[in-house]
Structures are given as structure tokens and as C-alpha cells.
Amino acid sequence: MTTTYTSYKLITADLTSSLERVSEQPQVARETEYYLSRIGSIKTLDEFFADSRLYDYAMKAHGLEDMAYAKAFMRKVLTEGVDSEGAFANKLADSRYKALVESLNFARHGDTATSFDPAQKGVVNKYTRQTLEQNAGEENTGVRLALYFERTAPLLTSGYEIIADEALAQVVRTALQLPEEFAAADVDRQAKAYEEAIDFKDFQDPVKLAAFIDRFTALWEINNSSGGYDPLAVFGSSSGYGISPDLLLSINNLKLGGH
């Protein structure tokens, strides 16, 4: 049986080829063709939300597939944009919402938002990467976690961002050998512990990031060698690194010093 470490290294050794193979899968190719054929004609948020196939593609591309049901929440995210410090997406601890706005920035660009590269090729690249991670997770959840962490960890700036994303938290708890019960601790205590244990700038260094992921994959293999691990505990029913709107807002309030 191939180990978590070996599987991860096989995928990342030639990531370009790995992504190309995913993009050529029939289902991926069909959805991508549809997205690219339609997204440029979308001029308003109403039109975007009305086309469920486009909407679902963009949500999956940003790792938000399990939040697709929360259309009122997502409309608020996209309506307010990111240019104002008080914009909804900027207040959320989870950076995926800001990334979605930056791809489809109707607030800034209006009816030309979908004509820019981030809304077209940028979203397609994200969708392909998300699918690569999902496919890897069908064989080994630890590989999916490692791939996700490699992609997102360089953007981390605080412990609250880890708490807001259970997939990131799972990697960090495993690498730091924290018990699962730690996730039930006070949010401020968790954030402080992460910030004391990690220099987030290290994740911007490819060598240091690789060393952290190597540690994670080794410990994951030890902790889950029996094959009894339930991937739904981290990923939800499909793609999700999901978190409910209520919980997300609760974490955000704590981050800002609220109650």
C-alpha cells in the first residue's frame, strides 16, 4: 500500500502533469467548457445566481461547494466586495470568501466583472486544483489534506484562520500532535496556542512548508494506519472544508473581541 507521504510526493513531483490529467477527465472537461462558454455573458449577480451550473462551478473552485446552499450568505459576500475594510468578506476569518470575491468582483467592476482573467481562467485553474484534491482524497484523506494545506497555508496570518477551516486545523493538530479534544477548547485559547507554536511566515518558505507537510504525512500515517478514519469528519459530504454561516460569524466575533 502506498503511504500518505509517497502518494503526496507522486502528485506534487510534477504538479502540472497531475493537473492536466484532471482537466482531461470527461466530467471536468464538460463543466469547464460550459463555464467558459457562459461566464463572460454574465453581467449581474442576479444572472450569476440564476445559473446554478455556473454558480456551483465557481463555488467548488473556491472550496465552498458545501456552502452553495447558503445563497443569501454568499450574495452578501459578493455584493459587498473587498475594497472596504468593513466589507463582509473582509470580516470573515475564512479567506476563501475573499478569494471568491476577488475572482468575481462585481462590486468593483460591475457588468465587466466576468470579462477579466481571474473570473475565467483563474476560476478554471482553481476548479481543476480542487478536483485534483478531491480525487486524491478518495484514495487517502491525508493526501488531500496535505495538498490543501500546501495550497492555502502560505496565506495564513493568524490562529483564528486555522480554527475557521477544519481541514487546516486537522493538519495543524496532527503535525503539532495535539489531541482531537483540543478542537473543543476555548477559541481564543486555540488561536493563541497555534500562534505560539507556529511562525506563519515559515509557510511562505517552500522548504519549511515542505518540512511541516512531511511531518504531517508521517504522523497521519501513524495515526490512521488502521483505515478506520472517517473522511466525512473533515470534508463533509462532498468537497467541503465547510463551516456553517452561524459558526463562521461566531468565530469572527471572537476574533474581533466580541462575545
C-alpha atoms as a PDB file:
ATOM      1  CA  MET A   1       0.000   0.000   0.000  1.00  0.00           C
ATOM      2  CA  THR A   2       1.317   3.443  -0.951  1.00  0.00           C
ATOM      3  CA  THR A   3       1.866   5.682   2.059  1.00  0.00           C
ATOM      4  CA  THR A   4       0.407   9.137   2.533  1.00  0.00           C
ATOM      5  CA  TYR A   5       3.862  10.659   2.092  1.00  0.00           C
ATOM      6  CA  THR A   6       4.593   8.737  -1.105  1.00  0.00           C
ATOM      7  CA  SER A   7       1.211   9.480  -2.673  1.00  0.00           C
ATOM      8  CA  TYR A   8       1.560  13.172  -1.911  1.00  0.00           C
ATOM      9  CA  LYS A   9       5.057  13.294  -3.400  1.00  0.00           C
ATOM     10  CA  LEU A  10       3.955  11.452  -6.551  1.00  0.00           C
ATOM     11  CA  ILE A  11       1.268  14.047  -7.192  1.00  0.00           C
ATOM     12  CA  THR A  12       3.398  17.093  -6.441  1.00  0.00           C
ATOM     13  CA  ALA A  13       6.568  15.896  -8.177  1.00  0.00           C
ATOM     14  CA  ASP A  14       5.027  17.015 -11.478  1.00  0.00           C
ATOM     15  CA  LEU A  15       2.018  19.018 -10.435  1.00  0.00           C
ATOM     16  CA  THR A  16       1.475  20.443 -13.917  1.00  0.00           C
ATOM     17  CA  SER A  17       1.025  16.970 -15.395  1.00  0.00           C
ATOM     18  CA  SER A  18      -1.202  15.937 -12.493  1.00  0.00           C
ATOM     19  CA  LEU A  19      -3.464  18.933 -13.126  1.00  0.00           C
ATOM     20  CA  GLU A  20      -3.538  18.305 -16.872  1.00  0.00           C
ATOM     21  CA  ARG A  21      -4.743  14.759 -16.314  1.00  0.00           C
ATOM     22  CA  VAL A  22      -7.549  16.067 -14.118  1.00  0.00           C
ATOM     23  CA  SER A  23      -8.594  18.709 -16.663  1.00  0.00           C
ATOM     24  CA  GLU A  24      -8.929  15.992 -19.300  1.00  0.00           C
ATOM     25  CA  GLN A  25     -11.388  13.941 -17.273  1.00  0.00           C
ATOM     26  CA  PRO A  26     -14.732  13.953 -19.169  1.00  0.00           C
ATOM     27  CA  GLN A  27     -16.836  15.417 -16.353  1.00  0.00           C
ATOM     28  CA  VAL A  28     -14.286  18.130 -15.594  1.00  0.00           C
ATOM     29  CA  ALA A  29     -13.882  18.974 -19.271  1.00  0.00           C
ATOM     30  CA  ARG A  30     -17.654  19.256 -19.767  1.00  0.00           C
ATOM     31  CA  GLU A  31     -18.216  21.513 -16.773  1.00  0.00           C
ATOM     32  CA  THR A  32     -15.234  23.676 -17.677  1.00  0.00           C
ATOM     33  CA  GLU A  33     -16.410  24.044 -21.259  1.00  0.00           C
ATOM     34  CA  TYR A  34     -19.844  25.130 -20.029  1.00  0.00           C
ATOM     35  CA  TYR A  35     -18.383  27.584 -17.542  1.00  0.00           C
ATOM     36  CA  LEU A  36     -16.080  29.242 -20.064  1.00  0.00           C
ATOM     37  CA  SER A  37     -18.824  29.405 -22.692  1.00  0.00           C
ATOM     38  CA  ARG A  38     -21.239  31.215 -20.366  1.00  0.00           C
ATOM     39  CA  ILE A  39     -19.387  33.174 -17.707  1.00  0.00           C
ATOM     40  CA  GLY A  40     -18.397  36.053 -20.000  1.00  0.00           C
ATOM     41  CA  SER A  41     -22.047  36.812 -20.750  1.00  0.00           C
ATOM     42  CA  ILE A  42     -22.967  37.165 -17.060  1.00  0.00           C
ATOM     43  CA  LYS A  43     -23.334  40.865 -16.234  1.00  0.00           C
ATOM     44  CA  THR A  44     -25.018  40.892 -12.833  1.00  0.00           C
ATOM     45  CA  LEU A  45     -25.108  38.945  -9.604  1.00  0.00           C
ATOM     46  CA  ASP A  46     -28.730  38.036 -10.297  1.00  0.00           C
ATOM     47  CA  GLU A  47     -27.690  36.357 -13.548  1.00  0.00           C
ATOM     48  CA  PHE A  48     -24.828  34.580 -11.798  1.00  0.00           C
ATOM     49  CA  PHE A  49     -27.031  33.163  -9.048  1.00  0.00           C
ATOM     50  CA  ALA A  50     -29.725  32.210 -11.556  1.00  0.00           C
ATOM     51  CA  ASP A  51     -27.394  29.840 -13.406  1.00  0.00           C
ATOM     52  CA  SER A  52     -26.912  27.037 -10.891  1.00  0.00           C
ATOM     53  CA  ARG A  53     -24.340  25.268 -13.028  1.00  0.00           C
ATOM     54  CA  LEU A  54     -22.111  28.346 -13.195  1.00  0.00           C
ATOM     55  CA  TYR A  55     -22.652  29.122  -9.534  1.00  0.00           C
ATOM     56  CA  ASP A  56     -21.830  25.585  -8.430  1.00  0.00           C
ATOM     57  CA  TYR A  57     -18.686  25.545 -10.581  1.00  0.00           C
ATOM     58  CA  ALA A  58     -17.408  28.777  -9.033  1.00  0.00           C
ATOM     59  CA  MET A  59     -18.262  27.620  -5.522  1.00  0.00           C
ATOM     60  CA  LYS A  60     -16.416  24.343  -5.974  1.00  0.00           C
ATOM     61  CA  ALA A  61     -13.456  26.181  -7.488  1.00  0.00           C
ATOM     62  CA  HIS A  62     -13.069  28.107  -4.242  1.00  0.00           C
ATOM     63  CA  GLY A  63     -13.591  25.147  -1.930  1.00  0.00           C
ATOM     64  CA  LEU A  64     -17.041  26.379  -0.966  1.00  0.00           C
ATOM     65  CA  GLU A  65     -19.155  23.628  -2.524  1.00  0.00           C
ATOM     66  CA  ASP A  66     -20.747  22.731   0.785  1.00  0.00           C
ATOM     67  CA  MET A  67     -21.794  26.366   1.257  1.00  0.00           C
ATOM     68  CA  ALA A  68     -23.628  26.545  -2.076  1.00  0.00           C
ATOM     69  CA  TYR A  69     -26.980  26.179  -0.302  1.00  0.00           C
ATOM     70  CA  ALA A  70     -26.415  29.452   1.625  1.00  0.00           C
ATOM     71  CA  LYS A  71     -27.215  31.772  -1.263  1.00  0.00           C
ATOM     72  CA  ALA A  72     -28.271  34.729   0.884  1.00  0.00           C
ATOM     73  CA  PHE A  73     -24.973  34.495   2.757  1.00  0.00           C
ATOM     74  CA  MET A  74     -22.988  34.212  -0.487  1.00  0.00           C
ATOM     75  CA  ARG A  75     -24.900  37.097  -2.072  1.00  0.00           C
ATOM     76  CA  LYS A  76     -23.908  39.328   0.852  1.00  0.00           C
ATOM     77  CA  VAL A  77     -20.276  38.256   0.414  1.00  0.00           C
ATOM     78  CA  LEU A  78     -20.264  39.107  -3.291  1.00  0.00           C
ATOM     79  CA  THR A  79     -22.397  42.242  -3.047  1.00  0.00           C
ATOM     80  CA  GLU A  80     -20.110  44.000  -0.567  1.00  0.00           C
ATOM     81  CA  GLY A  81     -16.854  43.119  -2.339  1.00  0.00           C
ATOM     82  CA  VAL A  82     -13.487  43.529  -0.611  1.00  0.00           C
ATOM     83  CA  ASP A  83     -12.485  47.130  -1.239  1.00  0.00           C
ATOM     84  CA  SER A  84     -13.963  48.426   2.010  1.00  0.00           C
ATOM     85  CA  GLU A  85     -12.374  47.402   5.298  1.00  0.00           C
ATOM     86  CA  GLY A  86     -15.870  46.831   6.636  1.00  0.00           C
ATOM     87  CA  ALA A  87     -16.915  44.579   3.751  1.00  0.00           C
ATOM     88  CA  PHE A  88     -18.443  41.304   4.883  1.00  0.00           C
ATOM     89  CA  ALA A  89     -15.772  39.092   3.283  1.00  0.00           C
ATOM     90  CA  ASN A  90     -13.004  41.072   4.994  1.00  0.00           C
ATOM     91  CA  LYS A  91     -14.596  40.469   8.387  1.00  0.00           C
ATOM     92  CA  LEU A  92     -14.731  36.704   7.977  1.00  0.00           C
ATOM     93  CA  ALA A  93     -11.870  34.646   9.344  1.00  0.00           C
ATOM     94  CA  ASP A  94     -12.054  32.250   6.396  1.00  0.00           C
ATOM     95  CA  SER A  95     -10.087  33.675   3.453  1.00  0.00           C
ATOM     96  CA  ARG A  96     -11.921  31.576   0.848  1.00  0.00           C
ATOM     97  CA  TYR A  97     -14.769  34.067   0.766  1.00  0.00           C
ATOM     98  CA  LYS A  98     -12.408  36.926  -0.047  1.00  0.00           C
ATOM     99  CA  ALA A  99     -10.824  34.783  -2.767  1.00  0.00           C
ATOM    100  CA  LEU A 100     -14.244  34.217  -4.344  1.00  0.00           C
ATOM    101  CA  VAL A 101     -14.897  37.957  -4.392  1.00  0.00           C
ATOM    102  CA  GLU A 102     -11.510  38.618  -5.948  1.00  0.00           C
ATOM    103  CA  SER A 103     -12.349  36.165  -8.723  1.00  0.00           C
ATOM    104  CA  LEU A 104     -15.842  37.536  -9.367  1.00  0.00           C
ATOM    105  CA  ASN A 105     -15.621  41.127  -8.240  1.00  0.00           C
ATOM    106  CA  PHE A 106     -18.997  42.513  -9.254  1.00  0.00           C
ATOM    107  CA  ALA A 107     -18.741  45.128  -6.502  1.00  0.00           C
ATOM    108  CA  ARG A 108     -15.655  46.667  -8.106  1.00  0.00           C
ATOM    109  CA  HIS A 109     -16.143  46.001 -11.816  1.00  0.00           C
ATOM    110  CA  GLY A 110     -19.903  45.858 -12.252  1.00  0.00           C
ATOM    111  CA  ASP A 111     -21.051  44.356 -15.554  1.00  0.00           C
ATOM    112  CA  THR A 112     -17.454  43.761 -16.714  1.00  0.00           C
ATOM    113  CA  ALA A 113     -16.516  41.592 -13.712  1.00  0.00           C
ATOM    114  CA  THR A 114     -16.643  38.324 -15.633  1.00  0.00           C
ATOM    115  CA  SER A 115     -14.506  39.587 -18.525  1.00  0.00           C
ATOM    116  CA  PHE A 116     -11.275  39.514 -16.533  1.00  0.00           C
ATOM    117  CA  ASP A 117      -8.863  36.593 -16.335  1.00  0.00           C
ATOM    118  CA  PRO A 118      -9.488  35.844 -12.626  1.00  0.00           C
ATOM    119  CA  ALA A 119     -13.165  35.169 -13.431  1.00  0.00           C
ATOM    120  CA  GLN A 120     -12.341  32.923 -16.365  1.00  0.00           C
ATOM    121  CA  LYS A 121      -9.014  31.072 -16.471  1.00  0.00           C
ATOM    122  CA  GLY A 122      -8.416  31.828 -12.798  1.00  0.00           C
ATOM    123  CA  VAL A 123     -11.608  30.083 -11.706  1.00  0.00           C
ATOM    124  CA  VAL A 124     -10.944  27.169 -14.061  1.00  0.00           C
ATOM    125  CA  ASN A 125      -7.469  26.662 -12.574  1.00  0.00           C
ATOM    126  CA  LYS A 126      -8.936  26.684  -9.086  1.00  0.00           C
ATOM    127  CA  TYR A 127     -11.637  24.195 -10.099  1.00  0.00           C
ATOM    128  CA  THR A 128      -9.047  21.829 -11.537  1.00  0.00           C
ATOM    129  CA  ARG A 129      -6.943  22.008  -8.398  1.00  0.00           C
ATOM    130  CA  GLN A 130      -9.969  21.408  -6.183  1.00  0.00           C
ATOM    131  CA  THR A 131     -10.873  18.350  -8.260  1.00  0.00           C
ATOM    132  CA  LEU A 132      -7.310  17.047  -8.018  1.00  0.00           C
ATOM    133  CA  GLU A 133      -7.530  17.295  -4.241  1.00  0.00           C
ATOM    134  CA  GLN A 134     -10.928  15.613  -4.122  1.00  0.00           C
ATOM    135  CA  ASN A 135      -9.708  12.756  -6.316  1.00  0.00           C
ATOM    136  CA  ALA A 136      -6.686  12.273  -4.080  1.00  0.00           C
ATOM    137  CA  GLY A 137      -8.974  12.196  -1.058  1.00  0.00           C
ATOM    138  CA  GLU A 138     -10.946   9.287  -2.492  1.00  0.00           C
ATOM    139  CA  GLU A 139      -7.831   7.184  -2.030  1.00  0.00           C
ATOM    140  CA  ASN A 140      -6.309   8.835   1.017  1.00  0.00           C
ATOM    141  CA  THR A 141      -7.783  11.698   3.025  1.00  0.00           C
ATOM    142  CA  GLY A 142      -4.333  12.570   4.354  1.00  0.00           C
ATOM    143  CA  VAL A 143      -3.076  13.272   0.834  1.00  0.00           C
ATOM    144  CA  ARG A 144      -5.995  15.586   0.210  1.00  0.00           C
ATOM    145  CA  LEU A 145      -5.307  17.416   3.444  1.00  0.00           C
ATOM    146  CA  ALA A 146      -1.617  17.766   2.551  1.00  0.00           C
ATOM    147  CA  LEU A 147      -2.411  19.142  -0.904  1.00  0.00           C
ATOM    148  CA  TYR A 148      -4.930  21.576   0.541  1.00  0.00           C
ATOM    149  CA  PHE A 149      -2.512  22.740   3.214  1.00  0.00           C
ATOM    150  CA  GLU A 150       0.275  23.234   0.673  1.00  0.00           C
ATOM    151  CA  ARG A 151      -2.016  25.492  -1.352  1.00  0.00           C
ATOM    152  CA  THR A 152      -3.539  27.526   1.463  1.00  0.00           C
ATOM    153  CA  ALA A 153      -1.004  27.669   4.303  1.00  0.00           C
ATOM    154  CA  PRO A 154       1.164  30.415   2.738  1.00  0.00           C
ATOM    155  CA  LEU A 155      -1.800  32.791   3.149  1.00  0.00           C
ATOM    156  CA  LEU A 156      -2.270  32.183   6.878  1.00  0.00           C
ATOM    157  CA  THR A 157      -1.685  35.085   9.232  1.00  0.00           C
ATOM    158  CA  SER A 158      -3.464  34.090  12.454  1.00  0.00           C
ATOM    159  CA  GLY A 159      -4.616  31.191  14.551  1.00  0.00           C
ATOM    160  CA  TYR A 160      -8.249  32.157  14.009  1.00  0.00           C
ATOM    161  CA  GLU A 161      -7.907  31.373  10.314  1.00  0.00           C
ATOM    162  CA  ILE A 162      -6.899  27.837  11.252  1.00  0.00           C
ATOM    163  CA  ILE A 163      -9.872  27.451  13.576  1.00  0.00           C
ATOM    164  CA  ALA A 164     -12.229  28.698  10.862  1.00  0.00           C
ATOM    165  CA  ASP A 165     -11.153  25.910   8.500  1.00  0.00           C
ATOM    166  CA  GLU A 166     -11.394  22.391   9.876  1.00  0.00           C
ATOM    167  CA  ALA A 167      -9.146  20.950   7.172  1.00  0.00           C
ATOM    168  CA  LEU A 168      -6.327  23.323   8.100  1.00  0.00           C
ATOM    169  CA  ALA A 169      -6.964  22.669  11.770  1.00  0.00           C
ATOM    170  CA  GLN A 170      -6.767  18.911  11.212  1.00  0.00           C
ATOM    171  CA  VAL A 171      -3.339  19.247   9.575  1.00  0.00           C
ATOM    172  CA  VAL A 172      -2.001  21.549  12.270  1.00  0.00           C
ATOM    173  CA  ARG A 173      -3.343  19.481  15.169  1.00  0.00           C
ATOM    174  CA  THR A 174      -1.816  16.365  13.645  1.00  0.00           C
ATOM    175  CA  ALA A 175       1.572  17.963  12.964  1.00  0.00           C
ATOM    176  CA  LEU A 176       1.702  19.501  16.456  1.00  0.00           C
ATOM    177  CA  GLN A 177       0.426  16.242  17.998  1.00  0.00           C
ATOM    178  CA  LEU A 178      -2.495  17.957  19.678  1.00  0.00           C
ATOM    179  CA  PRO A 179      -5.393  15.750  20.770  1.00  0.00           C
ATOM    180  CA  GLU A 180      -8.686  15.960  18.906  1.00  0.00           C
ATOM    181  CA  GLU A 181     -10.256  17.262  22.115  1.00  0.00           C
ATOM    182  CA  PHE A 182      -8.223  20.442  21.652  1.00  0.00           C
ATOM    183  CA  ALA A 183     -10.718  21.484  18.973  1.00  0.00           C
ATOM    184  CA  ALA A 184     -13.345  21.855  21.715  1.00  0.00           C
ATOM    185  CA  ALA A 185     -11.213  24.271  23.734  1.00  0.00           C
ATOM    186  CA  ASP A 186     -11.934  27.976  24.035  1.00  0.00           C
ATOM    187  CA  VAL A 187     -11.449  29.651  20.642  1.00  0.00           C
ATOM    188  CA  ASP A 188      -9.069  32.308  21.969  1.00  0.00           C
ATOM    189  CA  ARG A 189      -7.003  29.638  23.699  1.00  0.00           C
ATOM    190  CA  GLN A 190      -6.768  27.632  20.498  1.00  0.00           C
ATOM    191  CA  ALA A 191      -5.720  30.648  18.457  1.00  0.00           C
ATOM    192  CA  LYS A 192      -3.065  31.629  20.995  1.00  0.00           C
ATOM    193  CA  ALA A 193      -1.653  28.092  21.060  1.00  0.00           C
ATOM    194  CA  TYR A 194      -1.383  27.992  17.263  1.00  0.00           C
ATOM    195  CA  GLU A 195       0.255  31.408  17.128  1.00  0.00           C
ATOM    196  CA  GLU A 196       2.783  30.467  19.805  1.00  0.00           C
ATOM    197  CA  ALA A 197       3.672  27.187  18.098  1.00  0.00           C
ATOM    198  CA  ILE A 198       3.875  28.449  14.507  1.00  0.00           C
ATOM    199  CA  ASP A 199       5.668  31.275  12.738  1.00  0.00           C
ATOM    200  CA  PHE A 200       3.229  31.768   9.875  1.00  0.00           C
ATOM    201  CA  LYS A 201       5.950  33.335   7.733  1.00  0.00           C
ATOM    202  CA  ASP A 202       7.589  29.891   7.645  1.00  0.00           C
ATOM    203  CA  PHE A 203       4.752  28.689   5.432  1.00  0.00           C
ATOM    204  CA  GLN A 204       5.846  31.170   2.780  1.00  0.00           C
ATOM    205  CA  ASP A 205       9.203  29.383   2.619  1.00  0.00           C
ATOM    206  CA  PRO A 206       8.813  26.310   0.346  1.00  0.00           C
ATOM    207  CA  VAL A 207      11.449  24.354   2.256  1.00  0.00           C
ATOM    208  CA  LYS A 208       9.912  24.991   5.668  1.00  0.00           C
ATOM    209  CA  LEU A 209       6.413  24.392   4.344  1.00  0.00           C
ATOM    210  CA  ALA A 210       7.525  21.070   2.840  1.00  0.00           C
ATOM    211  CA  ALA A 211       9.094  20.033   6.157  1.00  0.00           C
ATOM    212  CA  PHE A 212       5.832  20.773   8.001  1.00  0.00           C
ATOM    213  CA  ILE A 213       3.825  18.763   5.476  1.00  0.00           C
ATOM    214  CA  ASP A 214       6.317  15.891   5.652  1.00  0.00           C
ATOM    215  CA  ARG A 215       5.814  15.820   9.412  1.00  0.00           C
ATOM    216  CA  PHE A 216       2.050  15.852   8.953  1.00  0.00           C
ATOM    217  CA  THR A 217       2.034  12.996   6.412  1.00  0.00           C
ATOM    218  CA  ALA A 218       4.250  10.840   8.625  1.00  0.00           C
ATOM    219  CA  LEU A 219       2.104  11.383  11.719  1.00  0.00           C
ATOM    220  CA  TRP A 220      -1.105  10.993   9.729  1.00  0.00           C
ATOM    221  CA  GLU A 221       0.081   7.602   8.516  1.00  0.00           C
ATOM    222  CA  ILE A 222       0.798   6.502  12.086  1.00  0.00           C
ATOM    223  CA  ASN A 223      -2.496   7.800  13.479  1.00  0.00           C
ATOM    224  CA  ASN A 224      -4.699   6.428  10.685  1.00  0.00           C
ATOM    225  CA  SER A 225      -2.937   3.242   9.662  1.00  0.00           C
ATOM    226  CA  SER A 226      -5.934   1.120  10.638  1.00  0.00           C
ATOM    227  CA  GLY A 227      -8.025   2.619   7.845  1.00  0.00           C
ATOM    228  CA  GLY A 228     -10.808   3.464  10.283  1.00  0.00           C
ATOM    229  CA  TYR A 229     -10.633   7.205   9.781  1.00  0.00           C
ATOM    230  CA  ASP A 230     -13.848   8.793   8.575  1.00  0.00           C
ATOM    231  CA  PRO A 231     -13.112  11.470   5.950  1.00  0.00           C
ATOM    232  CA  LEU A 232     -16.570  12.966   6.417  1.00  0.00           C
ATOM    233  CA  ALA A 233     -15.417  14.255   9.779  1.00  0.00           C
ATOM    234  CA  VAL A 234     -13.240  16.784   7.967  1.00  0.00           C
ATOM    235  CA  PHE A 235     -14.639  17.206   4.495  1.00  0.00           C
ATOM    236  CA  GLY A 236     -18.403  16.888   4.814  1.00  0.00           C
ATOM    237  CA  SER A 237     -20.452  15.067   2.232  1.00  0.00           C
ATOM    238  CA  SER A 238     -18.500  16.205  -0.801  1.00  0.00           C
ATOM    239  CA  SER A 239     -15.822  18.832  -1.179  1.00  0.00           C
ATOM    240  CA  GLY A 240     -16.323  20.784   1.909  1.00  0.00           C
ATOM    241  CA  TYR A 241     -13.898  22.363   4.165  1.00  0.00           C
ATOM    242  CA  GLY A 242     -17.264  23.760   5.145  1.00  0.00           C
ATOM    243  CA  ILE A 243     -18.339  25.711   8.154  1.00  0.00           C
ATOM    244  CA  SER A 244     -21.848  26.933   8.817  1.00  0.00           C
ATOM    245  CA  PRO A 245     -22.607  30.648   8.477  1.00  0.00           C
ATOM    246  CA  ASP A 246     -23.596  30.849  12.152  1.00  0.00           C
ATOM    247  CA  LEU A 247     -20.373  29.259  13.369  1.00  0.00           C
ATOM    248  CA  LEU A 248     -18.297  31.346  10.981  1.00  0.00           C
ATOM    249  CA  LEU A 249     -19.846  34.529  12.332  1.00  0.00           C
ATOM    250  CA  SER A 250     -19.340  33.350  15.908  1.00  0.00           C
ATOM    251  CA  ILE A 251     -15.643  32.772  15.274  1.00  0.00           C
ATOM    252  CA  ASN A 252     -15.404  36.135  13.557  1.00  0.00           C
ATOM    253  CA  ASN A 253     -16.982  37.895  16.544  1.00  0.00           C
ATOM    254  CA  LEU A 254     -14.496  36.266  18.891  1.00  0.00           C
ATOM    255  CA  LYS A 255     -11.660  37.258  16.578  1.00  0.00           C
ATOM    256  CA  LEU A 256     -12.795  40.865  16.775  1.00  0.00           C
ATOM    257  CA  GLY A 257     -13.175  40.730  20.527  1.00  0.00           C
ATOM    258  CA  GLY A 258     -16.916  40.247  20.668  1.00  0.00           C
ATOM    259  CA  HIS A 259     -18.970  37.796  22.700  1.00  0.00           C
END
